């Protein structure tokens, strides 16, 4: 028994010796091993604690971001509800609307194909009867050179063909551009129309395809247009001979330049300077804005006539219709084109000023309270609105998201009101196609003034923007109604024509180039996913030619010098004038 107790005591002392420092002091190798082990364990524990703290910080940041996104989502939901869009919970969406989503997708696909078929029909008719000429006259099955023989319909249609995936047609058009498009013509061209249709079409085709032939042709054309800006004020003349460079204004303007014609070249000339690395195009076009900014009125509304010698305005109407419209459009779009940086901030500021002026022109009818934009002569308002002014709802929707929440909602709400009016321009006629302009009289809502329809795009353009920014399917339905009216009244075996009278349905004899460039393109995009020509990456010129957004920085801009001083880049036809072609 004594031996057993002694043995147990000895074993206990043997185990405890490992925690006595004297044990390790007599054994240096074991001391080193324990020290290393202690350091490793300490490092491992410290590392785990650090990772845990970092993880907690990341989780906290993500939670804050999640809360912020949830708040933004709630604001967006409230805004969409106010716009008439039914917002459901995630569970409801997954359980109740999957079939609706599939059905909507199928309807969009079918409608998109119908629009594509319309484009194929229009294009095939142009190829057969008017190849290489400016526009097709479907009733007489021949072409007409409305713009000096520049192949306006062909060039105007390049990006539409590309976007719709019509590769064979695009390639044939490209070959014509490469081999046959010649600008050396003894022809008095409209600087405005040639810029938005031909120059814009070439630049868009280049941005989409990357083919250098389009950029080369664009540069050749722009060089021929540049002498129009050689005026004492820098405000361009509106007509120029493409072969000789002689520029002037039409007689019917009394020698004045037109606001829309002079203020609607910025997007194209800025884009050309960016692509060619040559600042001269941008400098010429932007100096116009610099000059207008010097005397820009408090309400941001300019008369339609500008004196090219003094740079001042001449007494004339103020309008968002013909001869005024696209000037305001380009103030907004130049800001977007430059990616909304400080270098282009002045464009946005001028546009916001003009939108305050626009609101002062808005009136409402009785009894239906249709909102419309008046024209202004001196201090008097005229209760008349062009269909051309139906671009404004889309412009307001596009610009609304540059405001703070409260102002953005007001801007978008006005856009929706005006779009409803423009849709009723169509719905109020027997053919369901809009007239050229409308008058508003107390107790009568609206009545057609000039009763022709020349296949204009402005209303469907606005429906496209409103669909993109609100997601409200109503705008798709309105667009489909308008497309069906074109199919019923304007489609012929040999193309599409306008109407001499939207009340009787009598047809004209002209397929406008902008019907292919704009009307059908916007309808196609209305029924396409938002990723097709994303508005985060592209900006449309006033002829619906998409140009890539390129960020502009002030330190990269070449400052224009005039007279040795540095200066910052700050017709009854007008916008897409159209040819009536009555026979």
Protein backbone atom coordinates (compact mmCIF):
# COMPACT_ATOMS: atom_id res chain seq x y z
CA UNK A 1 0.00 0.00 0.00
CA UNK A 2 2.82 2.39 0.91
CA UNK A 3 4.47 1.73 -2.45
CA UNK A 4 1.27 2.53 -4.33
CA UNK A 5 0.83 5.92 -2.59
CA UNK A 6 4.47 6.79 -3.28
CA UNK A 7 4.07 5.86 -6.93
CA UNK A 8 0.92 8.01 -7.31
CA UNK A 9 2.58 10.99 -5.64
CA UNK A 10 5.59 10.67 -7.92
CA UNK A 11 3.35 10.54 -11.04
CA UNK A 12 1.52 13.72 -9.94
CA UNK A 13 4.76 15.61 -9.45
CA UNK A 14 5.91 14.39 -12.90
CA UNK A 15 2.85 15.96 -14.62
CA UNK A 16 3.12 19.32 -12.83
CA UNK A 17 6.75 19.81 -13.69
CA UNK A 18 5.79 20.97 -17.23
CA UNK A 19 4.34 24.21 -15.86
CA UNK A 20 7.42 25.10 -13.80
CA UNK A 21 9.77 27.62 -15.46
CA UNK A 22 12.81 25.85 -13.95
CA UNK A 23 12.04 22.81 -16.08
CA UNK A 24 12.43 24.79 -19.32
CA UNK A 25 15.39 26.83 -18.14
CA UNK A 26 17.33 23.54 -17.86
CA UNK A 27 16.12 22.48 -21.35
CA UNK A 28 16.66 25.35 -23.90
CA UNK A 29 15.34 23.46 -26.96
CA UNK A 30 12.03 22.83 -25.30
CA UNK A 31 11.92 26.47 -24.18
CA UNK A 32 12.37 27.61 -27.78
CA UNK A 33 9.65 25.25 -29.00
CA UNK A 34 7.15 26.49 -26.40
CA UNK A 35 7.99 30.11 -27.19
CA UNK A 36 7.37 29.60 -30.90
CA UNK A 37 4.14 27.77 -30.22
CA UNK A 38 2.97 30.59 -27.95
CA UNK A 39 3.73 33.22 -30.60
CA UNK A 40 1.90 31.24 -33.29
CA UNK A 41 -1.19 30.76 -31.17
CA UNK A 42 -1.18 34.44 -30.18
CA UNK A 43 -0.91 35.50 -33.84
CA UNK A 44 -3.73 33.17 -34.84
CA UNK A 45 -6.03 34.54 -32.15
CA UNK A 46 -5.15 38.15 -33.06
CA UNK A 47 -5.76 37.45 -36.76
CA UNK A 48 -9.18 35.94 -36.08
CA UNK A 49 -10.15 38.89 -33.90
CA UNK A 50 -9.03 41.37 -36.58
CA UNK A 51 -10.99 39.58 -39.30
CA UNK A 52 -14.04 39.54 -37.05
CA UNK A 53 -13.79 43.29 -36.44
CA UNK A 54 -13.32 44.00 -40.17
CA UNK A 55 -16.25 41.78 -40.97
CA UNK A 56 -18.39 43.63 -38.45
CA UNK A 57 -17.41 46.97 -40.06
CA UNK A 58 -18.25 45.64 -43.55
CA UNK A 59 -21.58 44.29 -42.34
CA UNK A 60 -22.35 47.65 -40.77
CA UNK A 61 -21.52 49.48 -44.01
CA UNK A 62 -23.59 47.03 -46.07
CA UNK A 63 -26.50 47.43 -43.67
CA UNK A 64 -26.34 51.21 -44.11
CA UNK A 65 -26.25 50.83 -47.88
CA UNK A 66 -29.14 48.37 -47.74
CA UNK A 67 -31.22 50.79 -45.69
CA UNK A 68 -30.41 53.57 -48.16
CA UNK A 69 -31.42 51.40 -51.11
CA UNK A 70 -34.61 50.37 -49.35
CA UNK A 71 -35.45 54.03 -48.79
CA UNK A 72 -34.77 54.84 -52.45
CA UNK A 73 -36.86 51.86 -53.51
CA UNK A 74 -39.73 53.06 -51.36
CA UNK A 75 -39.52 56.53 -52.93
CA UNK A 76 -39.49 54.95 -56.39
CA UNK A 77 -42.45 52.71 -55.54
CA UNK A 78 -44.42 55.71 -54.30
CA UNK A 79 -43.55 57.61 -57.45
CA UNK A 80 -44.60 54.68 -59.66
CA UNK A 81 -47.84 54.29 -57.72
CA UNK A 82 -48.54 57.97 -58.33
CA UNK A 83 -47.90 57.29 -62.02
CA UNK A 84 -50.49 54.52 -62.05
CA UNK A 85 -48.13 51.55 -61.89
CA UNK A 86 -49.29 48.70 -59.64
CA UNK A 87 -46.51 47.77 -57.20
CA UNK A 88 -46.73 44.33 -55.60
CA UNK A 89 -44.68 42.54 -52.96
CA UNK A 90 -41.94 40.11 -53.98
CA UNK A 91 -44.06 37.14 -52.96
CA UNK A 92 -46.99 38.45 -54.95
CA UNK A 93 -44.77 39.05 -57.95
CA UNK A 94 -43.34 35.55 -57.81
CA UNK A 95 -46.74 33.93 -57.27
CA UNK A 96 -49.10 36.08 -59.30
CA UNK A 97 -47.34 37.84 -62.15
CA UNK A 98 -44.90 35.35 -63.67
CA UNK A 99 -47.47 34.50 -66.32
CA UNK A 100 -48.16 38.22 -66.88
CA UNK A 101 -44.45 38.92 -67.34
CA UNK A 102 -44.17 36.10 -69.87
CA UNK A 103 -47.28 37.35 -71.65
CA UNK A 104 -45.97 40.94 -71.74
CA UNK A 105 -42.67 39.70 -73.15
CA UNK A 106 -44.48 37.77 -75.87
CA UNK A 107 -46.64 40.77 -76.76
CA UNK A 108 -43.57 43.05 -76.90
CA UNK A 109 -41.76 40.56 -79.12
CA UNK A 110 -44.72 40.30 -81.50
CA UNK A 111 -45.14 44.06 -81.69
CA UNK A 112 -41.41 44.62 -82.16
CA UNK A 113 -41.47 42.19 -85.09
CA UNK A 114 -44.42 44.04 -86.60
CA UNK A 115 -42.47 47.31 -86.43
CA UNK A 116 -39.45 45.56 -87.93
CA UNK A 117 -41.66 44.29 -90.75
CA UNK A 118 -42.79 47.86 -91.37
CA UNK A 119 -39.16 48.95 -91.60
CA UNK A 120 -38.39 46.13 -94.02
CA UNK A 121 -41.35 47.16 -96.17
CA UNK A 122 -40.34 50.82 -96.19
CA UNK A 123 -36.69 50.00 -96.88
CA UNK A 124 -37.43 47.48 -99.65
CA UNK A 125 -39.66 50.05 -101.36
CA UNK A 126 -36.92 52.66 -101.12
CA UNK A 127 -34.34 50.22 -102.50
CA UNK A 128 -36.59 49.27 -105.41
CA UNK A 129 -37.81 52.70 -106.49
CA UNK A 130 -35.48 55.39 -105.09
CA UNK A 131 -32.10 53.82 -104.27
CA UNK A 132 -29.46 56.47 -103.57
CA UNK A 133 -31.92 59.35 -103.82
CA UNK A 134 -33.07 61.41 -100.89
CA UNK A 135 -36.66 60.28 -100.50
CA UNK A 136 -39.24 57.95 -102.05
CA UNK A 137 -42.50 59.05 -103.63
CA UNK A 138 -44.52 55.84 -103.22
CA UNK A 139 -47.59 56.74 -105.30
CA UNK A 140 -45.54 57.60 -108.39
CA UNK A 141 -42.85 54.98 -107.58
CA UNK A 142 -39.87 57.27 -108.00
CA UNK A 143 -37.23 59.04 -105.96
CA UNK A 144 -36.78 62.75 -105.33
CA UNK A 145 -33.69 64.66 -104.18
CA UNK A 146 -35.16 66.85 -101.46
CA UNK A 147 -31.74 67.43 -99.85
CA UNK A 148 -29.39 67.79 -102.81
CA UNK A 149 -28.93 64.12 -103.64
CA UNK A 150 -27.17 63.05 -100.44
CA UNK A 151 -29.05 59.77 -100.08
CA UNK A 152 -30.95 61.19 -97.12
CA UNK A 153 -33.24 58.20 -96.51
CA UNK A 154 -30.33 55.78 -96.84
CA UNK A 155 -28.03 57.62 -94.43
CA UNK A 156 -30.90 58.46 -92.07
CA UNK A 157 -31.78 54.75 -91.89
CA UNK A 158 -28.30 53.29 -91.23
CA UNK A 159 -28.60 53.07 -87.45
CA UNK A 160 -32.21 51.83 -87.60
CA UNK A 161 -31.08 48.95 -89.82
CA UNK A 162 -28.21 48.20 -87.45
CA UNK A 163 -30.33 48.31 -84.29
CA UNK A 164 -32.98 46.05 -85.83
CA UNK A 165 -30.33 43.52 -86.85
CA UNK A 166 -30.95 43.92 -90.60
CA UNK A 167 -27.37 43.10 -91.50
CA UNK A 168 -27.72 42.52 -95.25
CA UNK A 169 -29.55 45.80 -95.74
CA UNK A 170 -27.01 47.63 -93.57
CA UNK A 171 -24.09 46.23 -95.59
CA UNK A 172 -25.63 47.29 -98.91
CA UNK A 173 -26.22 50.77 -97.51
CA UNK A 174 -22.65 50.94 -96.22
CA UNK A 175 -21.28 50.00 -99.66
CA UNK A 176 -23.30 52.84 -101.20
CA UNK A 177 -21.92 55.29 -98.64
CA UNK A 178 -18.35 54.14 -99.34
CA UNK A 179 -18.61 54.22 -103.13
CA UNK A 180 -21.32 56.72 -104.05
CA UNK A 181 -21.89 59.30 -101.30
CA UNK A 182 -20.41 62.55 -102.63
CA UNK A 183 -20.80 65.92 -100.93
CA UNK A 184 -19.18 67.99 -103.69
CA UNK A 185 -22.51 69.28 -104.94
CA UNK A 186 -23.48 72.72 -106.18
CA UNK A 187 -26.46 72.75 -103.86
CA UNK A 188 -27.77 75.22 -101.26
CA UNK A 189 -28.07 72.88 -98.28
CA UNK A 190 -29.83 73.52 -95.00
CA UNK A 191 -27.07 73.45 -92.38
CA UNK A 192 -29.57 72.21 -89.81
CA UNK A 193 -31.18 69.43 -91.84
CA UNK A 194 -27.88 68.26 -93.27
CA UNK A 195 -26.35 68.16 -89.79
CA UNK A 196 -29.11 66.27 -88.00
CA UNK A 197 -29.90 63.81 -90.80
CA UNK A 198 -26.67 63.20 -92.70
CA UNK A 199 -23.89 64.10 -90.26
CA UNK A 200 -25.83 62.63 -87.34
CA UNK A 201 -26.62 59.48 -89.31
CA UNK A 202 -22.99 58.93 -90.27
CA UNK A 203 -21.70 59.50 -86.72
CA UNK A 204 -24.28 57.14 -85.25
CA UNK A 205 -23.43 54.45 -87.80
CA UNK A 206 -19.76 54.88 -86.84
CA UNK A 207 -20.48 54.65 -83.10
CA UNK A 208 -22.58 51.50 -83.60
CA UNK A 209 -20.43 49.67 -86.17
CA UNK A 210 -16.94 51.11 -85.68
CA UNK A 211 -16.47 51.30 -89.45
CA UNK A 212 -14.09 54.15 -90.32
CA UNK A 213 -15.79 54.91 -93.65
CA UNK A 214 -18.63 56.60 -91.77
CA UNK A 215 -16.27 58.82 -89.78
CA UNK A 216 -14.34 59.81 -92.90
CA UNK A 217 -17.52 60.83 -94.68
CA UNK A 218 -18.75 62.69 -91.59
CA UNK A 219 -15.55 64.72 -91.45
CA UNK A 220 -15.75 65.60 -95.13
CA UNK A 221 -19.31 66.85 -94.71
CA UNK A 222 -18.58 68.84 -91.55
CA UNK A 223 -15.65 70.59 -93.23
CA UNK A 224 -18.04 71.74 -95.95
CA UNK A 225 -20.54 73.03 -93.38
CA UNK A 226 -18.05 74.92 -91.18
CA UNK A 227 -17.93 78.15 -93.26
CA UNK A 228 -21.55 78.77 -92.23
CA UNK A 229 -20.21 79.80 -88.80
CA UNK A 230 -17.95 82.50 -90.25
CA UNK A 231 -20.18 85.40 -89.19
CA UNK A 232 -19.38 88.47 -87.05
CA UNK A 233 -21.22 86.98 -84.07
CA UNK A 234 -20.45 83.29 -84.57
CA UNK A 235 -24.18 82.61 -85.02
CA UNK A 236 -24.22 80.51 -88.21
CA UNK A 237 -25.99 81.21 -91.45
CA UNK A 238 -28.58 78.53 -92.11
CA UNK A 239 -27.89 77.80 -95.79
CA UNK A 240 -24.60 76.87 -97.46
CA UNK A 241 -23.40 75.74 -100.87
CA UNK A 242 -21.69 72.39 -100.30
CA UNK A 243 -19.35 72.76 -103.27
CA UNK A 244 -18.28 76.40 -102.88
CA UNK A 245 -18.88 77.21 -99.21
CA UNK A 246 -21.01 80.30 -99.81
CA UNK A 247 -23.31 80.76 -96.82
CA UNK A 248 -26.38 82.94 -96.30
CA UNK A 249 -29.82 83.00 -94.72
CA UNK A 250 -33.09 82.47 -96.59
CA UNK A 251 -34.90 85.61 -97.72
CA UNK A 252 -38.10 84.82 -95.85
CA UNK A 253 -36.33 85.25 -92.48
CA UNK A 254 -35.39 88.83 -93.32
CA UNK A 255 -31.71 87.92 -93.10
CA UNK A 256 -32.03 86.39 -89.65
CA UNK A 257 -30.79 83.02 -88.52
CA UNK A 258 -33.29 80.61 -86.95
CA UNK A 259 -32.94 79.62 -83.29
CA UNK A 260 -33.46 75.88 -83.76
CA UNK A 261 -31.31 75.82 -86.90
CA UNK A 262 -28.44 77.61 -85.15
CA UNK A 263 -28.66 75.87 -81.78
CA UNK A 264 -29.05 72.27 -82.92
CA UNK A 265 -25.60 71.30 -84.15
CA UNK A 266 -23.81 70.98 -80.82
CA UNK A 267 -24.24 67.22 -80.29
CA UNK A 268 -23.01 66.28 -83.76
CA UNK A 269 -20.04 68.67 -83.83
CA UNK A 270 -18.96 67.82 -80.28
CA UNK A 271 -19.12 64.11 -81.15
CA UNK A 272 -17.07 64.66 -84.30
CA UNK A 273 -14.37 66.54 -82.37
CA UNK A 274 -14.24 63.74 -79.81
CA UNK A 275 -13.90 61.04 -82.48
CA UNK A 276 -11.36 62.89 -84.64
CA UNK A 277 -9.45 64.63 -81.79
CA UNK A 278 -9.88 67.89 -83.71
CA UNK A 279 -11.47 70.62 -81.54
CA UNK A 280 -12.45 72.97 -84.37
CA UNK A 281 -15.91 71.45 -84.86
CA UNK A 282 -16.82 71.63 -81.19
CA UNK A 283 -15.46 75.15 -80.86
CA UNK A 284 -17.59 76.51 -83.71
CA UNK A 285 -20.81 74.92 -82.47
CA UNK A 286 -20.30 75.68 -78.78
CA UNK A 287 -19.42 79.31 -79.35
CA UNK A 288 -23.06 79.80 -80.37
CA UNK A 289 -24.10 78.81 -76.85
CA UNK A 290 -21.45 81.14 -75.40
CA UNK A 291 -22.92 84.04 -77.35
CA UNK A 292 -26.52 83.24 -76.43
CA UNK A 293 -25.56 82.82 -72.78
CA UNK A 294 -24.34 86.43 -72.62
CA UNK A 295 -27.86 87.79 -72.96
CA UNK A 296 -29.85 84.74 -71.84
CA UNK A 297 -33.19 85.99 -70.44
CA UNK A 298 -34.42 85.26 -66.93
CA UNK A 299 -37.18 82.97 -68.24
CA UNK A 300 -34.81 81.17 -70.62
CA UNK A 301 -37.11 81.70 -73.61
CA UNK A 302 -35.61 82.99 -76.85
CA UNK A 303 -37.42 84.30 -79.95
CA UNK A 304 -36.98 82.20 -83.08
CA UNK A 305 -34.94 84.84 -85.00
CA UNK A 306 -31.28 85.66 -84.26
CA UNK A 307 -29.20 88.35 -85.92
CA UNK A 308 -26.01 86.67 -87.19
CA UNK A 309 -24.18 90.01 -87.30
CA UNK A 310 -24.84 91.19 -83.75
CA UNK A 311 -25.70 87.91 -81.99
CA UNK A 312 -28.86 89.46 -80.56
CA UNK A 313 -32.43 88.27 -80.89
CA UNK A 314 -34.92 89.85 -83.28
CA UNK A 315 -38.58 90.45 -82.47
CA UNK A 316 -40.33 87.18 -83.34
CA UNK A 317 -42.46 84.46 -81.73
CA UNK A 318 -41.33 82.25 -78.86
CA UNK A 319 -42.29 78.62 -79.39
CA UNK A 320 -41.47 75.03 -78.51
CA UNK A 321 -42.75 74.12 -81.96
CA UNK A 322 -41.24 74.77 -85.39
CA UNK A 323 -38.02 76.81 -85.42
CA UNK A 324 -37.59 76.88 -81.64
CA UNK A 325 -37.96 73.34 -80.31
CA UNK A 326 -34.65 71.54 -80.65
CA UNK A 327 -32.59 74.42 -79.26
CA UNK A 328 -34.00 73.59 -75.82
CA UNK A 329 -33.64 69.88 -76.45
CA UNK A 330 -29.91 70.25 -77.16
CA UNK A 331 -29.26 72.27 -73.99
CA UNK A 332 -30.29 69.19 -72.02
CA UNK A 333 -28.70 66.63 -74.29
CA UNK A 334 -25.31 68.36 -74.48
CA UNK A 335 -25.19 68.04 -70.69
CA UNK A 336 -26.03 64.34 -70.94
CA UNK A 337 -23.60 63.80 -73.84
CA UNK A 338 -20.76 65.14 -71.66
CA UNK A 339 -21.81 62.75 -68.86
CA UNK A 340 -23.16 65.57 -66.65
CA UNK A 341 -19.75 66.83 -65.53
CA UNK A 342 -18.70 70.30 -64.41
CA UNK A 343 -17.46 71.02 -67.96
CA UNK A 344 -21.03 70.89 -69.28
CA UNK A 345 -22.89 72.15 -66.21
CA UNK A 346 -23.78 75.44 -67.92
CA UNK A 347 -25.92 73.56 -70.44
CA UNK A 348 -28.03 72.06 -67.65
CA UNK A 349 -28.33 75.42 -65.91
CA UNK A 350 -29.55 77.09 -69.09
CA UNK A 351 -32.01 74.25 -69.69
CA UNK A 352 -33.46 74.47 -66.18
CA UNK A 353 -33.94 78.21 -66.67
CA UNK A 354 -35.77 77.52 -69.93
CA UNK A 355 -37.98 74.93 -68.26
CA UNK A 356 -39.18 77.59 -65.82
CA UNK A 357 -40.11 79.60 -68.88
CA UNK A 358 -41.87 76.60 -70.43
CA UNK A 359 -44.04 76.24 -67.34
CA UNK A 360 -45.19 79.84 -67.79
CA UNK A 361 -46.52 78.86 -71.24
CA UNK A 362 -48.54 75.86 -70.05
CA UNK A 363 -52.32 76.28 -70.10
CA UNK A 364 -55.17 73.78 -69.66
CA UNK A 365 -58.31 73.35 -71.68
CA UNK A 366 -61.94 73.19 -70.69
CA UNK A 367 -63.72 70.96 -70.10
CA UNK A 368 -61.13 68.13 -70.20
CA UNK A 369 -58.11 69.95 -68.71
CA UNK A 370 -55.66 68.96 -71.44
CA UNK A 371 -52.28 70.62 -70.75
CA UNK A 372 -50.69 72.36 -73.74
CA UNK A 373 -47.77 74.68 -74.46
CA UNK A 374 -48.73 78.09 -75.81
CA UNK A 375 -46.75 80.15 -78.26
CA UNK A 376 -45.81 83.68 -77.22
CA UNK A 377 -45.76 86.88 -79.24
CA UNK A 378 -44.47 89.79 -77.20
CA UNK A 379 -46.59 89.73 -74.04
CA UNK A 380 -49.46 87.79 -75.65
CA UNK A 381 -50.01 84.04 -75.51
CA UNK A 382 -51.37 82.17 -78.52
CA UNK A 383 -53.45 79.05 -77.77
CA UNK A 384 -51.74 76.98 -80.45
CA UNK A 385 -49.43 73.97 -80.17
CA UNK A 386 -47.53 72.20 -82.96
CA UNK A 387 -47.30 68.42 -83.01
CA UNK A 388 -43.58 69.16 -83.24
CA UNK A 389 -43.80 70.39 -79.63
CA UNK A 390 -44.79 66.86 -78.60
CA UNK A 391 -41.07 66.16 -78.21
CA UNK A 392 -41.34 68.15 -74.95
CA UNK A 393 -42.85 65.40 -72.76
CA UNK A 394 -39.92 63.14 -73.60
CA UNK A 395 -37.44 65.95 -72.98
CA UNK A 396 -39.02 66.68 -69.59
CA UNK A 397 -38.93 62.99 -68.63
CA UNK A 398 -35.28 62.76 -69.68
CA UNK A 399 -34.37 65.88 -67.73
CA UNK A 400 -36.49 65.18 -64.64
CA UNK A 401 -33.89 62.92 -63.05
CA UNK A 402 -31.37 65.72 -62.79
CA UNK A 403 -33.57 67.50 -60.24
CA UNK A 404 -34.06 66.80 -56.54
CA UNK A 405 -37.00 64.55 -55.56
CA UNK A 406 -39.71 67.21 -55.29
CA UNK A 407 -38.85 69.09 -58.48
CA UNK A 408 -38.29 65.81 -60.38
CA UNK A 409 -41.82 64.66 -59.58
CA UNK A 410 -43.29 67.96 -60.80
CA UNK A 411 -41.28 67.77 -64.01
CA UNK A 412 -42.29 64.18 -64.71
CA UNK A 413 -45.91 64.91 -63.86
CA UNK A 414 -45.99 67.73 -66.42
CA UNK A 415 -44.39 65.40 -68.98
CA UNK A 416 -47.17 62.88 -68.43
CA UNK A 417 -49.88 65.52 -68.74
CA UNK A 418 -48.46 66.80 -72.02
CA UNK A 419 -48.05 63.27 -73.37
CA UNK A 420 -51.76 62.64 -72.71
CA UNK A 421 -52.56 65.74 -74.76
CA UNK A 422 -50.29 64.64 -77.61
CA UNK A 423 -51.82 61.16 -77.63
CA UNK A 424 -55.22 62.83 -77.95
CA UNK A 425 -53.96 64.79 -80.94
CA UNK A 426 -54.09 61.35 -82.59
CA UNK A 427 -57.20 59.97 -80.96
CA UNK A 428 -59.31 63.05 -81.76
CA UNK A 429 -59.27 62.59 -85.56
CA UNK A 430 -61.18 60.09 -87.72
CA UNK A 431 -57.93 58.50 -88.94
CA UNK A 432 -56.39 58.41 -85.42
CA UNK A 433 -53.40 60.29 -86.87
CA UNK A 434 -52.43 63.74 -85.59
CA UNK A 435 -52.60 66.94 -87.58
CA UNK A 436 -49.66 69.32 -87.87
CA UNK A 437 -50.92 71.71 -85.20
CA UNK A 438 -53.86 72.30 -82.87
CA UNK A 439 -55.83 75.23 -81.48
CA UNK A 440 -57.45 75.40 -78.07
CA UNK A 441 -60.63 77.34 -77.42
CA UNK A 442 -62.66 77.69 -74.25
CA UNK A 443 -65.14 74.87 -73.92
CA UNK A 444 -63.89 73.04 -77.02
CA UNK A 445 -60.70 71.37 -75.76
CA UNK A 446 -58.74 71.01 -79.03
CA UNK A 447 -59.32 71.32 -82.76
CA UNK A 448 -57.05 70.53 -85.71
CA UNK A 449 -55.46 73.51 -87.39
CA UNK A 450 -53.21 72.47 -90.27
CA UNK A 451 -54.61 69.02 -91.00
CA UNK A 452 -51.83 67.15 -92.76
CA UNK A 453 -49.76 64.36 -91.19
CA UNK A 454 -46.30 63.69 -92.59
CA UNK A 455 -45.37 60.63 -90.49
CA UNK A 456 -43.83 62.68 -87.69
CA UNK A 457 -42.14 60.95 -84.70
CA UNK A 458 -42.42 63.41 -81.79
CA UNK A 459 -45.26 61.78 -79.87
CA UNK A 460 -43.88 58.23 -80.08
CA UNK A 461 -40.47 59.66 -79.11
CA UNK A 462 -42.00 60.98 -75.89
CA UNK A 463 -43.83 57.70 -75.26
CA UNK A 464 -40.49 55.90 -75.56
CA UNK A 465 -38.86 58.12 -72.91
CA UNK A 466 -41.84 57.94 -70.57
CA UNK A 467 -41.88 54.15 -70.80
CA UNK A 468 -38.15 53.98 -70.06
CA UNK A 469 -38.42 56.28 -67.02
CA UNK A 470 -41.72 55.16 -65.47
CA UNK A 471 -42.23 51.56 -66.58
CA UNK A 472 -45.90 52.40 -67.16
CA UNK A 473 -47.21 50.00 -69.82
CA UNK A 474 -49.88 52.51 -70.83
CA UNK A 475 -47.31 54.30 -72.97
CA UNK A 476 -46.67 51.10 -74.91
CA UNK A 477 -50.39 50.76 -75.58
CA UNK A 478 -50.59 54.34 -76.84
CA UNK A 479 -47.59 53.74 -79.10
CA UNK A 480 -49.20 50.60 -80.48
CA UNK A 481 -52.40 52.53 -81.23
CA UNK A 482 -50.40 55.08 -83.22
CA UNK A 483 -48.48 52.37 -85.09
CA UNK A 484 -51.72 50.65 -86.07
CA UNK A 485 -53.08 53.96 -87.36
CA UNK A 486 -50.00 54.37 -89.57
CA UNK A 487 -50.43 50.81 -90.82
CA UNK A 488 -54.09 51.42 -91.64
CA UNK A 489 -53.82 54.84 -93.26
CA UNK A 490 -50.24 55.27 -94.51
CA UNK A 491 -49.05 51.86 -95.69
CA UNK A 492 -49.12 51.21 -99.42
CA UNK A 493 -47.78 48.44 -101.57
CA UNK A 494 -44.86 50.70 -102.46
CA UNK A 495 -44.00 52.18 -99.04
CA UNK A 496 -45.56 54.60 -96.55
CA UNK A 497 -47.08 58.01 -97.22
CA UNK A 498 -48.38 60.88 -95.15
CA UNK A 499 -51.90 62.25 -95.27
CA UNK A 500 -52.97 65.52 -96.85
CA UNK A 501 -55.87 65.58 -94.43
CA UNK A 502 -56.22 63.54 -91.23
CA UNK A 503 -59.98 64.08 -91.37
CA UNK A 504 -60.54 62.55 -94.82
CA UNK A 505 -57.54 60.22 -95.02
CA UNK A 506 -56.43 61.57 -98.41
CA UNK A 507 -52.84 60.47 -99.01
CA UNK A 508 -49.84 62.51 -100.08
CA UNK A 509 -46.92 61.18 -102.12
CA UNK A 510 -43.90 61.28 -99.80
CA UNK A 511 -42.16 58.82 -97.51
CA UNK A 512 -40.21 61.16 -95.24
CA UNK A 513 -36.71 59.99 -94.33
CA UNK A 514 -37.46 60.59 -90.64
CA UNK A 515 -40.20 57.96 -90.74
CA UNK A 516 -37.45 55.33 -91.01
CA UNK A 517 -34.90 57.23 -88.93
CA UNK A 518 -37.16 58.20 -86.04
CA UNK A 519 -40.77 57.05 -86.04
CA UNK A 520 -40.09 53.36 -86.65
CA UNK A 521 -36.93 53.37 -84.52
CA UNK A 522 -38.68 54.82 -81.45
CA UNK A 523 -41.58 52.40 -81.91
CA UNK A 524 -39.13 49.48 -82.13
CA UNK A 525 -37.32 50.62 -78.98
CA UNK A 526 -40.65 51.14 -77.20
CA UNK A 527 -41.18 47.37 -77.41
CA UNK A 528 -37.53 46.44 -76.73
CA UNK A 529 -35.73 45.83 -73.41
CA UNK A 530 -34.18 48.99 -71.87
CA UNK A 531 -30.71 47.49 -72.47
CA UNK A 532 -31.18 48.05 -76.22
CA UNK A 533 -29.56 51.48 -76.68
CA UNK A 534 -29.33 52.15 -72.95
CA UNK A 535 -29.89 55.76 -71.98
CA UNK A 536 -26.93 55.40 -69.59
CA UNK A 537 -24.63 54.97 -72.59
CA UNK A 538 -26.30 56.77 -75.49
CA UNK A 539 -27.95 60.11 -76.21
CA UNK A 540 -30.20 60.64 -79.24
CA UNK A 541 -29.78 63.60 -81.52
CA UNK A 542 -32.95 65.33 -82.69
CA UNK A 543 -33.19 62.91 -85.65
CA UNK A 544 -33.08 59.90 -83.27
CA UNK A 545 -29.48 59.05 -84.11
CA UNK A 546 -27.86 57.57 -80.97
CA UNK A 547 -24.41 58.95 -80.10
CA UNK A 548 -22.19 57.48 -77.41
CA UNK A 549 -21.91 59.43 -74.16
CA UNK A 550 -18.29 60.51 -73.63
CA UNK A 551 -17.25 62.12 -70.34
CA UNK A 552 -15.97 65.67 -70.70
CA UNK A 553 -13.58 67.33 -68.25
CA UNK A 554 -12.86 71.03 -68.06
CA UNK A 555 -9.08 70.49 -67.98
CA UNK A 556 -9.27 68.58 -71.28
CA UNK A 557 -11.13 71.34 -73.14
CA UNK A 558 -9.25 73.71 -75.37
CA UNK A 559 -10.27 77.27 -74.47
CA UNK A 560 -11.48 79.20 -77.48
CA UNK A 561 -9.79 82.53 -78.11
CA UNK A 562 -11.63 85.41 -79.75
CA UNK A 563 -9.88 88.72 -80.39
CA UNK A 564 -7.02 87.63 -78.14
CA UNK A 565 -9.29 87.05 -75.15
CA UNK A 566 -10.14 83.71 -73.63
CA UNK A 567 -13.84 82.90 -73.76
CA UNK A 568 -15.28 79.86 -72.05
CA UNK A 569 -17.30 77.35 -74.02
CA UNK A 570 -20.34 78.09 -72.38
CA UNK A 571 -39.68 78.83 -92.02
CA UNK A 572 -42.29 77.91 -91.12
CA UNK A 573 -40.53 74.59 -91.26
CA UNK A 574 -37.70 74.23 -88.75
CA UNK A 575 -37.12 70.99 -86.94
CA UNK A 576 -37.25 68.13 -89.45
CA UNK A 577 -39.11 70.34 -91.90
CA UNK A 578 -40.29 67.54 -94.18
CA UNK A 579 -41.36 67.75 -97.80
CA UNK A 580 -45.09 67.65 -98.49
CA UNK A 581 -44.74 66.20 -101.97
CA UNK A 582 -48.34 66.75 -103.01
CA UNK A 583 -49.01 65.58 -106.54
